[in-house]
Amino acid sequence: MIEEEIKPFERADEPQHQATDFRPLDSRVVNLWRVSCLIGFGVLLLSLLIPVVAVGVAEPRALVWLASAWLATAAAAVWFCLWYPPRLYRSWGYRIDAKVLETRSGRLFQRARLLPLSRLQHVDIERGPLERMFGLAALILHTAGTHSANIRIPGLEAAEAMRLRDHLIEIGGDDAV
């Protein structure tokens, strides 16, 4: 039996894109996602603590079981908030060439999105209080269409997000503002 390597069709006039072409997010986004996760689970756990205490006062025998369940849930939440963000960070990447912006993200549900730069309408920078605390920003690219016709690139260093915004406006379509 003859074995041969099957190679994809290559055209000389098209650039070859590999996984190394993708730029990662700023590594500080891992801590941002951890803090955001801990805040979210903290609010949920505090809201669950009220019924645990109320039932424990009414039925003292159930308090040990309810408190144990609450503590196990809190431990699982803390573990998840420490474990998941580095894995999510490794799944994120973006690349820009002369014609298209491409993003890849997701661990369980992987998503690849392409935005032809000629369709770019406008570019926003978003910085919430936690993002400002970490010196990060999110770049939001809008195209014509519905409310979901946008691409968000989180976890960029703030100066890099501004530089990218200016670059994308410069090379974008005729509609770019």
N, C-alpha and C. Protein backbone atom coordinates (compact mmCIF):
# COMPACT_ATOMS: atom_id res chain seq x y z
N MET A 1 0.85 -1.17 0.00
CA MET A 1 0.00 0.00 0.00
C MET A 1 0.90 1.24 0.00
N ILE A 2 0.58 2.16 -0.85
CA ILE A 2 1.37 3.39 -0.95
C ILE A 2 0.70 4.46 -0.10
N GLU A 3 1.48 5.03 0.80
CA GLU A 3 0.97 6.11 1.63
C GLU A 3 1.59 7.41 1.17
N GLU A 4 0.78 8.40 1.03
CA GLU A 4 1.29 9.70 0.67
C GLU A 4 0.62 10.76 1.53
N GLU A 5 1.33 11.81 1.71
CA GLU A 5 0.81 12.90 2.53
C GLU A 5 -0.11 13.75 1.68
N ILE A 6 -1.29 14.00 2.20
CA ILE A 6 -2.25 14.85 1.50
C ILE A 6 -2.04 16.28 1.98
N LYS A 7 -1.76 17.15 1.05
CA LYS A 7 -1.52 18.55 1.38
C LYS A 7 -2.67 19.39 0.85
N PRO A 8 -3.06 20.42 1.61
CA PRO A 8 -4.13 21.28 1.13
C PRO A 8 -3.68 22.09 -0.08
N PHE A 9 -4.64 22.45 -0.91
CA PHE A 9 -4.36 23.26 -2.08
C PHE A 9 -3.85 24.63 -1.63
N GLU A 10 -2.77 25.07 -2.18
CA GLU A 10 -2.19 26.35 -1.81
C GLU A 10 -2.12 27.24 -3.04
N ARG A 11 -2.46 28.51 -2.84
CA ARG A 11 -2.34 29.49 -3.90
C ARG A 11 -1.26 30.47 -3.51
N ALA A 12 -0.43 30.81 -4.43
CA ALA A 12 0.70 31.69 -4.14
C ALA A 12 0.26 33.10 -3.79
N ASP A 13 -0.90 33.53 -4.31
CA ASP A 13 -1.33 34.91 -4.06
C ASP A 13 -2.10 35.07 -2.76
N GLU A 14 -2.37 33.99 -2.03
CA GLU A 14 -3.09 34.07 -0.76
C GLU A 14 -2.13 33.84 0.40
N PRO A 15 -2.23 34.69 1.45
CA PRO A 15 -1.35 34.48 2.60
C PRO A 15 -1.74 33.22 3.35
N GLN A 16 -0.77 32.52 3.85
CA GLN A 16 -1.01 31.31 4.62
C GLN A 16 -1.12 31.69 6.10
N HIS A 17 -2.26 31.38 6.70
CA HIS A 17 -2.49 31.72 8.09
C HIS A 17 -2.37 30.48 8.94
N GLN A 18 -1.61 30.59 9.98
CA GLN A 18 -1.44 29.49 10.91
C GLN A 18 -1.86 29.96 12.28
N ALA A 19 -1.93 29.04 13.23
CA ALA A 19 -2.34 29.38 14.58
C ALA A 19 -1.40 30.41 15.20
N THR A 20 -0.16 30.46 14.74
CA THR A 20 0.80 31.42 15.30
C THR A 20 0.49 32.85 14.87
N ASP A 21 -0.34 33.03 13.84
CA ASP A 21 -0.73 34.37 13.41
C ASP A 21 -1.67 35.04 14.42
N PHE A 22 -2.31 34.26 15.26
CA PHE A 22 -3.27 34.80 16.20
C PHE A 22 -2.55 35.43 17.39
N ARG A 23 -3.00 36.61 17.74
CA ARG A 23 -2.44 37.31 18.90
C ARG A 23 -3.24 36.92 20.14
N PRO A 24 -2.58 36.70 21.25
CA PRO A 24 -3.31 36.41 22.48
C PRO A 24 -3.81 37.70 23.12
N LEU A 25 -4.73 37.55 24.06
CA LEU A 25 -5.16 38.68 24.86
C LEU A 25 -4.07 39.02 25.87
N ASP A 26 -4.19 40.15 26.54
CA ASP A 26 -3.26 40.50 27.61
C ASP A 26 -3.45 39.50 28.75
N SER A 27 -2.37 39.02 29.32
CA SER A 27 -2.45 37.98 30.35
C SER A 27 -3.14 38.45 31.63
N ARG A 28 -3.23 39.76 31.83
CA ARG A 28 -3.94 40.28 33.02
C ARG A 28 -5.43 39.97 32.99
N VAL A 29 -5.94 39.61 31.81
CA VAL A 29 -7.36 39.30 31.71
C VAL A 29 -7.72 38.06 32.54
N VAL A 30 -6.77 37.17 32.77
CA VAL A 30 -7.03 35.98 33.60
C VAL A 30 -7.46 36.42 34.99
N ASN A 31 -6.72 37.35 35.59
CA ASN A 31 -7.10 37.83 36.93
C ASN A 31 -8.40 38.63 36.90
N LEU A 32 -8.64 39.37 35.83
CA LEU A 32 -9.91 40.09 35.68
C LEU A 32 -11.06 39.10 35.66
N TRP A 33 -10.94 38.05 34.87
CA TRP A 33 -12.00 37.04 34.81
C TRP A 33 -12.16 36.32 36.14
N ARG A 34 -11.06 36.09 36.85
CA ARG A 34 -11.16 35.45 38.18
C ARG A 34 -11.93 36.33 39.15
N VAL A 35 -11.59 37.62 39.20
CA VAL A 35 -12.28 38.53 40.11
C VAL A 35 -13.75 38.64 39.73
N SER A 36 -14.05 38.75 38.44
CA SER A 36 -15.45 38.84 37.99
C SER A 36 -16.23 37.59 38.37
N CYS A 37 -15.61 36.45 38.20
CA CYS A 37 -16.24 35.18 38.55
C CYS A 37 -16.50 35.10 40.05
N LEU A 38 -15.51 35.48 40.84
CA LEU A 38 -15.67 35.44 42.30
C LEU A 38 -16.76 36.40 42.77
N ILE A 39 -16.85 37.56 42.15
CA ILE A 39 -17.91 38.50 42.51
C ILE A 39 -19.28 37.91 42.18
N GLY A 40 -19.41 37.34 40.98
CA GLY A 40 -20.69 36.75 40.58
C GLY A 40 -21.11 35.61 41.49
N PHE A 41 -20.20 34.69 41.74
CA PHE A 41 -20.53 33.58 42.64
C PHE A 41 -20.72 34.07 44.07
N GLY A 42 -19.99 35.11 44.48
CA GLY A 42 -20.16 35.66 45.82
C GLY A 42 -21.57 36.18 46.04
N VAL A 43 -22.09 36.90 45.07
CA VAL A 43 -23.46 37.41 45.16
C VAL A 43 -24.45 36.25 45.24
N LEU A 44 -24.25 35.25 44.40
CA LEU A 44 -25.14 34.08 44.41
C LEU A 44 -25.06 33.35 45.75
N LEU A 45 -23.85 33.15 46.26
CA LEU A 45 -23.69 32.42 47.52
C LEU A 45 -24.26 33.20 48.71
N LEU A 46 -24.09 34.51 48.70
CA LEU A 46 -24.67 35.32 49.77
C LEU A 46 -26.19 35.28 49.73
N SER A 47 -26.76 35.28 48.52
CA SER A 47 -28.22 35.19 48.43
C SER A 47 -28.72 33.81 48.86
N LEU A 48 -27.91 32.76 48.67
CA LEU A 48 -28.30 31.44 49.14
C LEU A 48 -28.10 31.27 50.65
N LEU A 49 -27.25 32.08 51.22
CA LEU A 49 -26.99 31.98 52.66
C LEU A 49 -28.20 32.40 53.49
N ILE A 50 -28.98 33.31 52.99
CA ILE A 50 -30.18 33.79 53.72
C ILE A 50 -31.17 32.65 53.95
N PRO A 51 -31.56 31.88 52.92
CA PRO A 51 -32.47 30.76 53.20
C PRO A 51 -31.83 29.65 54.04
N VAL A 52 -30.53 29.46 53.90
CA VAL A 52 -29.86 28.44 54.71
C VAL A 52 -29.97 28.79 56.19
N VAL A 53 -29.72 30.05 56.52
CA VAL A 53 -29.82 30.49 57.92
C VAL A 53 -31.28 30.45 58.39
N ALA A 54 -32.20 30.89 57.53
CA ALA A 54 -33.62 30.89 57.91
C ALA A 54 -34.13 29.48 58.20
N VAL A 55 -33.79 28.54 57.34
CA VAL A 55 -34.21 27.15 57.56
C VAL A 55 -33.47 26.57 58.76
N GLY A 56 -32.20 26.94 58.94
CA GLY A 56 -31.43 26.44 60.07
C GLY A 56 -31.98 26.90 61.41
N VAL A 57 -32.50 28.12 61.46
CA VAL A 57 -33.11 28.62 62.70
C VAL A 57 -34.43 27.89 62.97
N ALA A 58 -35.21 27.68 61.93
CA ALA A 58 -36.50 26.99 62.08
C ALA A 58 -36.31 25.50 62.37
N GLU A 59 -35.33 24.90 61.78
CA GLU A 59 -35.08 23.46 61.94
C GLU A 59 -33.59 23.23 62.20
N PRO A 60 -33.15 23.31 63.47
CA PRO A 60 -31.73 23.22 63.80
C PRO A 60 -31.04 21.93 63.32
N ARG A 61 -31.77 20.82 63.21
CA ARG A 61 -31.15 19.57 62.76
C ARG A 61 -30.72 19.66 61.30
N ALA A 62 -31.37 20.49 60.51
CA ALA A 62 -31.05 20.63 59.09
C ALA A 62 -29.88 21.58 58.86
N LEU A 63 -29.55 22.36 59.89
CA LEU A 63 -28.51 23.39 59.73
C LEU A 63 -27.16 22.79 59.34
N VAL A 64 -26.78 21.68 59.93
CA VAL A 64 -25.49 21.06 59.62
C VAL A 64 -25.44 20.63 58.16
N TRP A 65 -26.51 20.01 57.68
CA TRP A 65 -26.54 19.55 56.28
C TRP A 65 -26.57 20.73 55.31
N LEU A 66 -27.38 21.72 55.63
CA LEU A 66 -27.46 22.89 54.75
C LEU A 66 -26.15 23.67 54.73
N ALA A 67 -25.54 23.83 55.89
CA ALA A 67 -24.26 24.56 55.95
C ALA A 67 -23.18 23.78 55.20
N SER A 68 -23.20 22.45 55.34
CA SER A 68 -22.22 21.64 54.60
C SER A 68 -22.41 21.77 53.10
N ALA A 69 -23.66 21.74 52.65
CA ALA A 69 -23.95 21.90 51.22
C ALA A 69 -23.53 23.28 50.73
N TRP A 70 -23.78 24.31 51.54
CA TRP A 70 -23.40 25.68 51.15
C TRP A 70 -21.88 25.80 51.07
N LEU A 71 -21.17 25.24 52.04
CA LEU A 71 -19.71 25.30 52.01
C LEU A 71 -19.13 24.52 50.83
N ALA A 72 -19.72 23.38 50.51
CA ALA A 72 -19.25 22.60 49.35
C ALA A 72 -19.49 23.38 48.06
N THR A 73 -20.63 24.05 47.97
CA THR A 73 -20.92 24.87 46.80
C THR A 73 -19.95 26.04 46.70
N ALA A 74 -19.65 26.66 47.84
CA ALA A 74 -18.69 27.78 47.85
C ALA A 74 -17.30 27.31 47.44
N ALA A 75 -16.88 26.15 47.93
CA ALA A 75 -15.57 25.61 47.56
C ALA A 75 -15.51 25.29 46.06
N ALA A 76 -16.58 24.71 45.52
CA ALA A 76 -16.62 24.41 44.09
C ALA A 76 -16.58 25.68 43.26
N ALA A 77 -17.27 26.73 43.72
CA ALA A 77 -17.28 28.00 43.00
C ALA A 77 -15.88 28.63 42.99
N VAL A 78 -15.20 28.62 44.12
CA VAL A 78 -13.85 29.18 44.19
C VAL A 78 -12.91 28.38 43.30
N TRP A 79 -13.01 27.05 43.36
CA TRP A 79 -12.16 26.21 42.50
C TRP A 79 -12.40 26.54 41.03
N PHE A 80 -13.67 26.65 40.62
CA PHE A 80 -13.99 26.95 39.22
C PHE A 80 -13.43 28.31 38.81
N CYS A 81 -13.56 29.31 39.69
CA CYS A 81 -13.07 30.66 39.37
C CYS A 81 -11.55 30.71 39.26
N LEU A 82 -10.86 29.83 39.91
CA LEU A 82 -9.40 29.77 39.80
C LEU A 82 -8.95 28.90 38.63
N TRP A 83 -9.71 27.84 38.32
CA TRP A 83 -9.32 26.87 37.31
C TRP A 83 -9.68 27.30 35.89
N TYR A 84 -10.87 27.86 35.67
CA TYR A 84 -11.37 28.08 34.32
C TYR A 84 -10.73 29.26 33.56
N PRO A 85 -10.53 30.44 34.16
CA PRO A 85 -10.00 31.57 33.38
C PRO A 85 -8.69 31.32 32.63
N PRO A 86 -7.69 30.63 33.18
CA PRO A 86 -6.49 30.38 32.37
C PRO A 86 -6.78 29.53 31.12
N ARG A 87 -7.71 28.61 31.24
CA ARG A 87 -8.06 27.78 30.09
C ARG A 87 -8.82 28.59 29.04
N LEU A 88 -9.70 29.48 29.50
CA LEU A 88 -10.41 30.35 28.58
C LEU A 88 -9.44 31.30 27.88
N TYR A 89 -8.46 31.80 28.61
CA TYR A 89 -7.45 32.70 28.05
C TYR A 89 -6.69 32.02 26.91
N ARG A 90 -6.33 30.77 27.10
CA ARG A 90 -5.58 30.05 26.06
C ARG A 90 -6.42 29.79 24.81
N SER A 91 -7.74 29.84 24.93
CA SER A 91 -8.60 29.60 23.78
C SER A 91 -8.85 30.87 22.96
N TRP A 92 -8.49 32.03 23.50
CA TRP A 92 -8.77 33.29 22.83
C TRP A 92 -7.62 33.71 21.93
N GLY A 93 -7.95 34.26 20.78
CA GLY A 93 -6.95 34.83 19.89
C GLY A 93 -7.62 35.66 18.82
N TYR A 94 -6.88 36.58 18.25
CA TYR A 94 -7.40 37.39 17.15
C TYR A 94 -6.27 37.70 16.19
N ARG A 95 -6.63 37.96 14.95
CA ARG A 95 -5.65 38.36 13.95
C ARG A 95 -6.29 39.36 13.02
N ILE A 96 -5.46 40.23 12.49
CA ILE A 96 -5.91 41.25 11.55
C ILE A 96 -4.96 41.24 10.37
N ASP A 97 -5.54 41.18 9.18
CA ASP A 97 -4.71 41.38 7.99
C ASP A 97 -5.32 42.54 7.20
N ALA A 98 -4.96 42.69 5.97
CA ALA A 98 -5.41 43.83 5.18
C ALA A 98 -6.91 43.80 4.88
N LYS A 99 -7.53 42.62 4.94
CA LYS A 99 -8.92 42.51 4.54
C LYS A 99 -9.89 42.03 5.60
N VAL A 100 -9.38 41.35 6.65
CA VAL A 100 -10.30 40.70 7.58
C VAL A 100 -9.74 40.71 9.01
N LEU A 101 -10.67 40.74 9.96
CA LEU A 101 -10.33 40.51 11.37
C LEU A 101 -10.97 39.18 11.74
N GLU A 102 -10.20 38.31 12.37
CA GLU A 102 -10.70 37.00 12.76
C GLU A 102 -10.47 36.81 14.24
N THR A 103 -11.49 36.32 14.94
CA THR A 103 -11.35 35.98 16.35
C THR A 103 -11.68 34.51 16.53
N ARG A 104 -11.01 33.91 17.51
CA ARG A 104 -11.31 32.54 17.92
C ARG A 104 -11.41 32.53 19.43
N SER A 105 -12.42 31.85 19.93
CA SER A 105 -12.62 31.80 21.37
C SER A 105 -13.43 30.56 21.74
N GLY A 106 -13.49 30.30 23.03
CA GLY A 106 -14.33 29.23 23.53
C GLY A 106 -13.59 27.96 23.87
N ARG A 107 -14.01 27.32 24.94
CA ARG A 107 -13.44 26.03 25.34
C ARG A 107 -14.40 24.92 24.95
N LEU A 108 -15.57 24.93 25.52
CA LEU A 108 -16.55 23.88 25.24
C LEU A 108 -17.22 24.13 23.89
N PHE A 109 -17.69 25.34 23.69
CA PHE A 109 -18.28 25.74 22.42
C PHE A 109 -17.31 26.70 21.76
N GLN A 110 -16.60 26.22 20.76
CA GLN A 110 -15.58 27.03 20.10
C GLN A 110 -16.24 27.88 19.02
N ARG A 111 -15.75 29.11 18.93
CA ARG A 111 -16.34 30.07 18.00
C ARG A 111 -15.23 30.75 17.20
N ALA A 112 -15.39 30.78 15.90
CA ALA A 112 -14.50 31.53 15.02
C ALA A 112 -15.36 32.53 14.27
N ARG A 113 -14.95 33.79 14.33
CA ARG A 113 -15.73 34.85 13.68
C ARG A 113 -14.81 35.63 12.74
N LEU A 114 -15.32 35.93 11.56
CA LEU A 114 -14.60 36.72 10.57
C LEU A 114 -15.36 38.01 10.32
N LEU A 115 -14.64 39.10 10.29
CA LEU A 115 -15.24 40.39 9.97
C LEU A 115 -14.46 41.00 8.82
N PRO A 116 -15.07 41.04 7.61
CA PRO A 116 -14.41 41.74 6.52
C PRO A 116 -14.30 43.22 6.88
N LEU A 117 -13.11 43.77 6.82
CA LEU A 117 -12.91 45.16 7.26
C LEU A 117 -13.69 46.15 6.41
N SER A 118 -14.05 45.76 5.19
CA SER A 118 -14.85 46.65 4.35
C SER A 118 -16.26 46.83 4.90
N ARG A 119 -16.71 45.91 5.79
CA ARG A 119 -18.05 45.99 6.40
C ARG A 119 -18.05 46.70 7.74
N LEU A 120 -16.90 47.11 8.21
CA LEU A 120 -16.78 47.75 9.51
C LEU A 120 -17.47 49.11 9.50
N GLN A 121 -18.39 49.32 10.45
CA GLN A 121 -19.12 50.58 10.54
C GLN A 121 -18.47 51.52 11.56
N HIS A 122 -18.32 51.03 12.79
CA HIS A 122 -17.62 51.83 13.80
C HIS A 122 -17.02 50.93 14.87
N VAL A 123 -16.10 51.51 15.64
CA VAL A 123 -15.34 50.76 16.64
C VAL A 123 -15.47 51.49 17.98
N ASP A 124 -15.80 50.75 19.01
CA ASP A 124 -15.92 51.30 20.37
C ASP A 124 -14.88 50.66 21.27
N ILE A 125 -14.52 51.39 22.31
CA ILE A 125 -13.69 50.86 23.38
C ILE A 125 -14.52 50.89 24.65
N GLU A 126 -14.55 49.78 25.35
CA GLU A 126 -15.34 49.65 26.57
C GLU A 126 -14.42 49.34 27.73
N ARG A 127 -14.56 50.11 28.83
CA ARG A 127 -13.73 49.89 30.02
C ARG A 127 -14.60 50.04 31.26
N GLY A 128 -14.96 48.92 31.85
CA GLY A 128 -15.71 48.95 33.09
C GLY A 128 -14.77 49.20 34.26
N PRO A 129 -15.32 49.31 35.47
CA PRO A 129 -14.47 49.60 36.63
C PRO A 129 -13.40 48.54 36.90
N LEU A 130 -13.74 47.28 36.74
CA LEU A 130 -12.74 46.23 36.95
C LEU A 130 -11.69 46.26 35.84
N GLU A 131 -12.12 46.49 34.62
CA GLU A 131 -11.17 46.57 33.51
C GLU A 131 -10.20 47.74 33.72
N ARG A 132 -10.72 48.87 34.18
CA ARG A 132 -9.84 50.01 34.46
C ARG A 132 -8.87 49.68 35.57
N MET A 133 -9.32 48.95 36.58
CA MET A 133 -8.47 48.57 37.69
C MET A 133 -7.28 47.71 37.21
N PHE A 134 -7.52 46.88 36.19
CA PHE A 134 -6.46 46.02 35.65
C PHE A 134 -5.75 46.64 34.46
N GLY A 135 -6.15 47.84 34.04
CA GLY A 135 -5.51 48.51 32.91
C GLY A 135 -5.87 47.89 31.57
N LEU A 136 -7.08 47.31 31.47
CA LEU A 136 -7.51 46.62 30.26
C LEU A 136 -8.70 47.33 29.62
N ALA A 137 -9.01 46.93 28.41
CA ALA A 137 -10.16 47.45 27.69
C ALA A 137 -10.68 46.37 26.75
N ALA A 138 -11.92 46.55 26.31
CA ALA A 138 -12.50 45.66 25.30
C ALA A 138 -12.75 46.48 24.04
N LEU A 139 -12.45 45.90 22.91
CA LEU A 139 -12.66 46.54 21.62
C LEU A 139 -13.93 45.94 21.03
N ILE A 140 -14.87 46.79 20.64
CA ILE A 140 -16.14 46.33 20.08
C ILE A 140 -16.25 46.86 18.66
N LEU A 141 -16.38 45.94 17.72
CA LEU A 141 -16.44 46.28 16.30
C LEU A 141 -17.87 46.05 15.81
N HIS A 142 -18.45 47.08 15.21
CA HIS A 142 -19.85 47.02 14.75
C HIS A 142 -19.91 46.96 13.23
N THR A 143 -20.86 46.16 12.75
CA THR A 143 -21.14 46.10 11.32
C THR A 143 -22.62 46.44 11.13
N ALA A 144 -23.02 46.60 9.90
CA ALA A 144 -24.43 46.84 9.62
C ALA A 144 -25.21 45.57 9.95
N GLY A 145 -26.41 45.76 10.46
CA GLY A 145 -27.23 44.59 10.76
C GLY A 145 -27.92 44.73 12.09
N THR A 146 -28.22 43.61 12.70
CA THR A 146 -28.95 43.57 13.95
C THR A 146 -28.05 43.93 15.13
N HIS A 147 -28.63 43.91 16.32
CA HIS A 147 -27.86 44.22 17.53
C HIS A 147 -26.72 43.23 17.77
N SER A 148 -26.82 42.05 17.19
CA SER A 148 -25.76 41.05 17.39
C SER A 148 -24.69 41.11 16.29
N ALA A 149 -24.76 42.13 15.45
CA ALA A 149 -23.78 42.26 14.38
C ALA A 149 -22.55 43.01 14.88
N ASN A 150 -21.94 42.46 15.92
CA ASN A 150 -20.71 43.07 16.44
C ASN A 150 -19.79 41.97 16.95
N ILE A 151 -18.54 42.34 17.07
CA ILE A 151 -17.52 41.43 17.60
C ILE A 151 -16.86 42.14 18.77
N ARG A 152 -16.73 41.44 19.88
CA ARG A 152 -16.09 41.99 21.08
C ARG A 152 -14.79 41.24 21.34
N ILE A 153 -13.70 42.02 21.47
CA ILE A 153 -12.41 41.44 21.83
C ILE A 153 -12.08 41.94 23.23
N PRO A 154 -12.24 41.10 24.24
CA PRO A 154 -11.99 41.54 25.62
C PRO A 154 -10.51 41.44 25.97
N GLY A 155 -10.15 42.01 27.11
CA GLY A 155 -8.84 41.78 27.68
C GLY A 155 -7.66 42.32 26.92
N LEU A 156 -7.83 43.46 26.24
CA LEU A 156 -6.71 44.09 25.57
C LEU A 156 -6.11 45.14 26.49
N GLU A 157 -4.81 45.32 26.44
CA GLU A 157 -4.18 46.41 27.17
C GLU A 157 -4.78 47.70 26.62
N ALA A 158 -5.09 48.67 27.49
CA ALA A 158 -5.86 49.85 27.10
C ALA A 158 -5.22 50.62 25.94
N ALA A 159 -3.91 50.83 25.98
CA ALA A 159 -3.24 51.56 24.90
C ALA A 159 -3.28 50.75 23.60
N GLU A 160 -3.16 49.43 23.71
CA GLU A 160 -3.23 48.57 22.52
C GLU A 160 -4.63 48.62 21.92
N ALA A 161 -5.67 48.66 22.76
CA ALA A 161 -7.04 48.75 22.26
C ALA A 161 -7.24 50.05 21.49
N MET A 162 -6.70 51.15 21.99
CA MET A 162 -6.81 52.43 21.28
C MET A 162 -6.03 52.41 19.98
N ARG A 163 -4.84 51.81 20.01
CA ARG A 163 -4.05 51.71 18.79
C ARG A 163 -4.77 50.86 17.74
N LEU A 164 -5.34 49.74 18.17
CA LEU A 164 -6.08 48.88 17.26
C LEU A 164 -7.30 49.60 16.70
N ARG A 165 -8.02 50.32 17.56
CA ARG A 165 -9.19 51.09 17.10
C ARG A 165 -8.78 52.05 15.99
N ASP A 166 -7.73 52.82 16.22
CA ASP A 166 -7.29 53.79 15.23
C ASP A 166 -6.84 53.09 13.94
N HIS A 167 -6.15 51.97 14.07
CA HIS A 167 -5.68 51.22 12.90
C HIS A 167 -6.87 50.67 12.10
N LEU A 168 -7.86 50.12 12.79
CA LEU A 168 -9.01 49.55 12.11
C LEU A 168 -9.84 50.63 11.41
N ILE A 169 -9.97 51.78 12.02
CA ILE A 169 -10.69 52.88 11.38
C ILE A 169 -9.94 53.33 10.14
N GLU A 170 -8.62 53.36 10.23
CA GLU A 170 -7.80 53.78 9.10
C GLU A 170 -7.91 52.85 7.89
N ILE A 171 -7.91 51.53 8.15
CA ILE A 171 -7.94 50.57 7.05
C ILE A 171 -9.33 50.04 6.75
N GLY A 172 -10.33 50.40 7.56
CA GLY A 172 -11.68 49.87 7.40
C GLY A 172 -12.36 50.36 6.14
N GLY A 173 -13.65 50.01 6.05
CA GLY A 173 -14.43 50.36 4.87
C GLY A 173 -14.72 51.84 4.80
N ASP A 174 -15.45 52.21 3.76
CA ASP A 174 -15.80 53.61 3.54
C ASP A 174 -16.73 54.15 4.60
N ASP A 175 -17.46 53.25 5.31
CA ASP A 175 -18.42 53.68 6.32
C ASP A 175 -17.79 53.98 7.66
N ALA A 176 -16.53 53.61 7.86
CA ALA A 176 -15.90 53.71 9.18
C ALA A 176 -15.90 55.14 9.66
N VAL A 177 -16.23 55.28 10.93
CA VAL A 177 -16.27 56.61 11.55
C VAL A 177 -15.07 56.79 12.41
